[in-house]
N, C-alpha and C. Protein backbone atom coordinates (compact mmCIF):
# COMPACT_ATOMS: atom_id res chain seq x y z
N MET A 1 120.54 66.74 45.09
CA MET A 1 121.51 66.59 45.27
C MET A 1 120.94 66.36 47.25
N ASP A 2 121.54 65.24 47.60
CA ASP A 2 120.90 65.21 48.94
C ASP A 2 121.62 64.32 49.21
N ALA A 3 122.64 65.33 50.85
CA ALA A 3 123.60 64.57 51.99
C ALA A 3 122.93 63.11 52.24
N ARG A 4 122.00 62.51 52.14
CA ARG A 4 121.40 62.06 52.94
C ARG A 4 121.58 60.50 51.68
N HIS A 5 122.46 60.57 50.62
CA HIS A 5 121.79 59.11 49.69
C HIS A 5 122.91 59.66 48.49
N PHE A 6 124.52 58.63 48.86
CA PHE A 6 125.12 59.02 48.03
C PHE A 6 124.87 58.62 46.97
N THR A 7 124.19 57.83 46.66
CA THR A 7 123.86 56.65 44.94
C THR A 7 122.49 56.21 45.70
N GLN A 8 121.99 56.17 44.49
CA GLN A 8 120.00 55.20 44.92
C GLN A 8 119.99 53.66 44.92
N SER A 9 120.44 53.26 46.24
CA SER A 9 121.26 51.55 46.68
C SER A 9 119.48 51.19 46.50
N ALA A 10 118.09 51.56 46.68
CA ALA A 10 117.53 50.73 46.41
C ALA A 10 117.37 49.61 46.99
N GLY A 11 117.60 49.58 48.63
CA GLY A 11 118.30 49.00 49.50
C GLY A 11 118.58 48.00 49.89
N LEU A 12 120.20 48.05 48.72
CA LEU A 12 121.40 47.30 49.36
C LEU A 12 121.97 48.60 50.77
N VAL A 13 122.55 47.01 51.46
CA VAL A 13 123.03 47.61 52.40
C VAL A 13 124.37 46.86 52.48
N ALA A 14 125.73 47.42 52.76
CA ALA A 14 126.67 46.85 53.01
C ALA A 14 127.05 45.77 54.62
N VAL A 15 127.16 44.72 54.67
CA VAL A 15 126.99 43.87 55.88
C VAL A 15 127.53 42.57 56.14
N HIS A 16 128.64 42.25 56.91
CA HIS A 16 129.27 41.41 57.73
C HIS A 16 128.07 40.26 56.72
N PRO A 17 128.90 39.42 56.75
CA PRO A 17 127.96 38.34 55.89
C PRO A 17 127.35 37.56 57.12
N VAL A 18 127.99 37.17 58.35
CA VAL A 18 127.59 36.47 59.49
C VAL A 18 126.12 37.69 59.61
N ALA A 19 125.76 38.66 60.04
CA ALA A 19 124.82 39.77 60.00
C ALA A 19 124.27 39.29 59.13
N ASP A 20 124.57 39.11 57.66
CA ASP A 20 123.44 38.37 56.75
C ASP A 20 122.75 37.44 56.80
N ALA A 21 123.43 36.33 57.64
CA ALA A 21 123.12 35.32 57.34
C ALA A 21 121.96 35.22 58.73
N LEU A 22 122.65 35.53 59.67
CA LEU A 22 121.85 36.12 60.79
C LEU A 22 120.40 36.54 61.00
N ALA A 23 120.17 37.18 60.00
CA ALA A 23 119.16 38.51 59.37
C ALA A 23 118.14 36.98 58.79
N ASP A 24 118.71 36.05 58.38
CA ASP A 24 117.85 35.33 57.17
C ASP A 24 117.48 34.80 57.85
N GLU A 25 117.96 34.09 59.11
CA GLU A 25 117.41 33.07 59.85
C GLU A 25 116.88 33.98 60.73
N PHE A 26 116.74 34.51 61.22
CA PHE A 26 115.90 35.19 62.92
C PHE A 26 115.78 36.99 62.49
N GLY A 27 114.65 36.62 62.70
CA GLY A 27 113.60 38.14 61.79
C GLY A 27 113.57 39.18 62.90
N VAL A 28 113.57 38.30 64.04
CA VAL A 28 113.96 39.48 65.12
C VAL A 28 115.63 40.43 65.02
N PHE A 29 116.27 39.85 64.58
CA PHE A 29 117.94 39.98 64.28
C PHE A 29 117.60 40.96 62.80
N ALA A 30 117.04 40.56 61.90
CA ALA A 30 116.77 41.56 61.06
C ALA A 30 116.20 42.67 61.47
N TRP A 31 114.83 42.90 61.94
CA TRP A 31 114.18 43.86 63.24
C TRP A 31 115.60 44.91 63.63
N ARG A 32 116.07 44.09 64.58
CA ARG A 32 116.79 45.10 65.37
C ARG A 32 118.12 45.61 63.83
N LEU A 33 118.45 45.55 63.05
CA LEU A 33 119.31 46.40 62.15
C LEU A 33 118.22 47.17 61.42
N ARG A 34 116.91 46.82 61.29
CA ARG A 34 116.35 47.20 61.10
C ARG A 34 115.98 49.16 61.92
N ALA A 35 116.04 48.74 63.21
CA ALA A 35 115.81 49.64 64.42
C ALA A 35 117.44 50.35 64.61
N GLU A 36 118.24 49.66 64.64
CA GLU A 36 119.62 50.83 64.39
C GLU A 36 119.94 51.89 63.23
N ALA A 37 119.18 51.10 61.94
CA ALA A 37 119.71 52.70 60.88
C ALA A 37 118.51 53.08 61.33
N PHE A 38 117.73 52.89 61.77
CA PHE A 38 116.51 54.42 62.36
C PHE A 38 117.00 55.17 63.56
N VAL A 39 117.80 55.06 64.09
CA VAL A 39 118.31 55.46 65.59
C VAL A 39 119.64 56.05 64.64
N ARG A 40 120.52 55.74 64.49
CA ARG A 40 121.32 56.16 63.51
C ARG A 40 121.11 57.23 62.92
N PHE A 41 120.42 56.75 61.69
CA PHE A 41 120.06 57.58 60.40
C PHE A 41 118.86 58.42 60.19
N GLY A 42 117.99 58.40 60.72
CA GLY A 42 116.86 58.15 60.99
C GLY A 42 115.98 57.24 59.11
N CYS A 43 116.73 56.47 58.97
CA CYS A 43 116.41 55.78 58.05
C CYS A 43 115.12 54.85 58.65
N ASP A 44 113.51 55.32 57.36
CA ASP A 44 112.96 53.94 57.69
C ASP A 44 112.10 54.16 56.65
N PRO A 45 112.21 53.52 55.16
CA PRO A 45 111.72 53.78 54.31
C PRO A 45 110.44 52.92 54.28
N GLU A 46 109.61 52.03 55.22
CA GLU A 46 108.03 51.15 55.34
C GLU A 46 107.57 51.81 56.33
N GLY A 47 108.05 53.31 57.40
CA GLY A 47 106.98 53.37 57.79
C GLY A 47 107.16 52.34 59.66
N ALA A 48 107.61 51.65 59.78
CA ALA A 48 108.03 50.59 60.69
C ALA A 48 108.23 51.46 62.10
N PHE A 49 108.81 52.70 61.88
CA PHE A 49 109.03 53.31 63.36
C PHE A 49 108.77 55.00 63.59
N SER A 50 108.07 55.08 62.57
CA SER A 50 107.63 56.47 62.31
C SER A 50 106.45 56.73 61.46
N ASP A 51 105.67 57.62 61.32
CA ASP A 51 105.06 58.14 60.94
C ASP A 51 104.98 58.90 59.92
N THR A 52 105.91 59.47 59.47
CA THR A 52 106.33 60.18 58.22
C THR A 52 107.03 60.26 57.78
N GLN A 53 107.27 60.28 56.03
CA GLN A 53 109.18 59.90 55.70
C GLN A 53 108.95 60.55 54.80
N ASP A 54 109.73 61.15 54.49
CA ASP A 54 110.29 61.70 53.25
C ASP A 54 110.79 60.95 51.73
N GLU A 55 110.37 61.50 50.27
CA GLU A 55 110.42 61.21 49.56
C GLU A 55 112.22 60.36 49.26
N LEU A 56 112.47 60.02 50.33
CA LEU A 56 114.08 59.40 50.42
C LEU A 56 113.99 58.09 51.17
N GLY A 57 112.76 58.72 52.03
CA GLY A 57 112.44 56.83 52.86
C GLY A 57 113.11 57.54 54.62
N PHE A 58 113.26 59.07 54.62
CA PHE A 58 113.80 59.51 55.77
C PHE A 58 112.37 60.23 56.31
N ALA A 59 113.15 59.69 58.05
CA ALA A 59 111.47 59.80 58.91
C ALA A 59 112.13 61.44 59.43
N GLY A 60 111.87 62.51 58.99
CA GLY A 60 112.07 64.25 59.04
C GLY A 60 112.98 64.51 58.42
N ARG A 61 113.36 65.64 59.07
CA ARG A 61 114.34 66.64 58.16
C ARG A 61 115.10 67.73 58.80
N GLY A 62 116.09 66.85 59.45
CA GLY A 62 117.16 67.65 60.97
C GLY A 62 117.78 67.77 59.86
N PRO A 63 119.16 68.27 60.75
CA PRO A 63 120.15 68.20 60.05
C PRO A 63 120.61 67.50 59.50
N VAL A 64 121.57 67.16 58.24
CA VAL A 64 122.32 65.93 57.59
C VAL A 64 124.28 66.74 57.34
N ARG A 65 124.49 66.04 58.24
CA ARG A 65 126.21 65.65 58.31
C ARG A 65 126.85 65.38 57.21
N VAL A 66 127.41 65.60 55.97
CA VAL A 66 128.29 65.11 54.73
C VAL A 66 129.39 64.69 55.70
N TRP A 67 130.05 63.37 55.40
CA TRP A 67 130.96 63.00 55.50
C TRP A 67 132.09 62.91 54.53
N ALA A 68 131.95 63.50 53.34
CA ALA A 68 132.73 63.43 52.23
C ALA A 68 132.13 64.06 51.06
N ARG A 69 132.98 65.41 50.89
CA ARG A 69 132.84 65.75 49.45
C ARG A 69 133.61 64.71 47.97
N VAL A 70 133.14 64.60 46.83
CA VAL A 70 133.65 63.94 46.02
C VAL A 70 133.62 65.34 44.96
N ALA A 71 134.32 65.70 44.56
CA ALA A 71 134.88 66.59 43.34
C ALA A 71 134.36 65.86 41.97
N GLY A 72 133.81 66.75 41.03
CA GLY A 72 133.44 65.90 39.46
C GLY A 72 132.87 66.88 39.17
């Protein structure tokens, strides 16, 4: 169980429909979204912004914040 992933998303993200359309039309905007995911979460599964990633696609293994715990 890893706090970095709630479920295996296989690249699926929730994004506003306008942002989705912009990312489809403008490659630079798609890269901006990737860069934001890297800055905020350390997510870099393709290694575009970092040299090494763990098995889940995250650069480094710094402290992880758990936002919510689901009873189960």
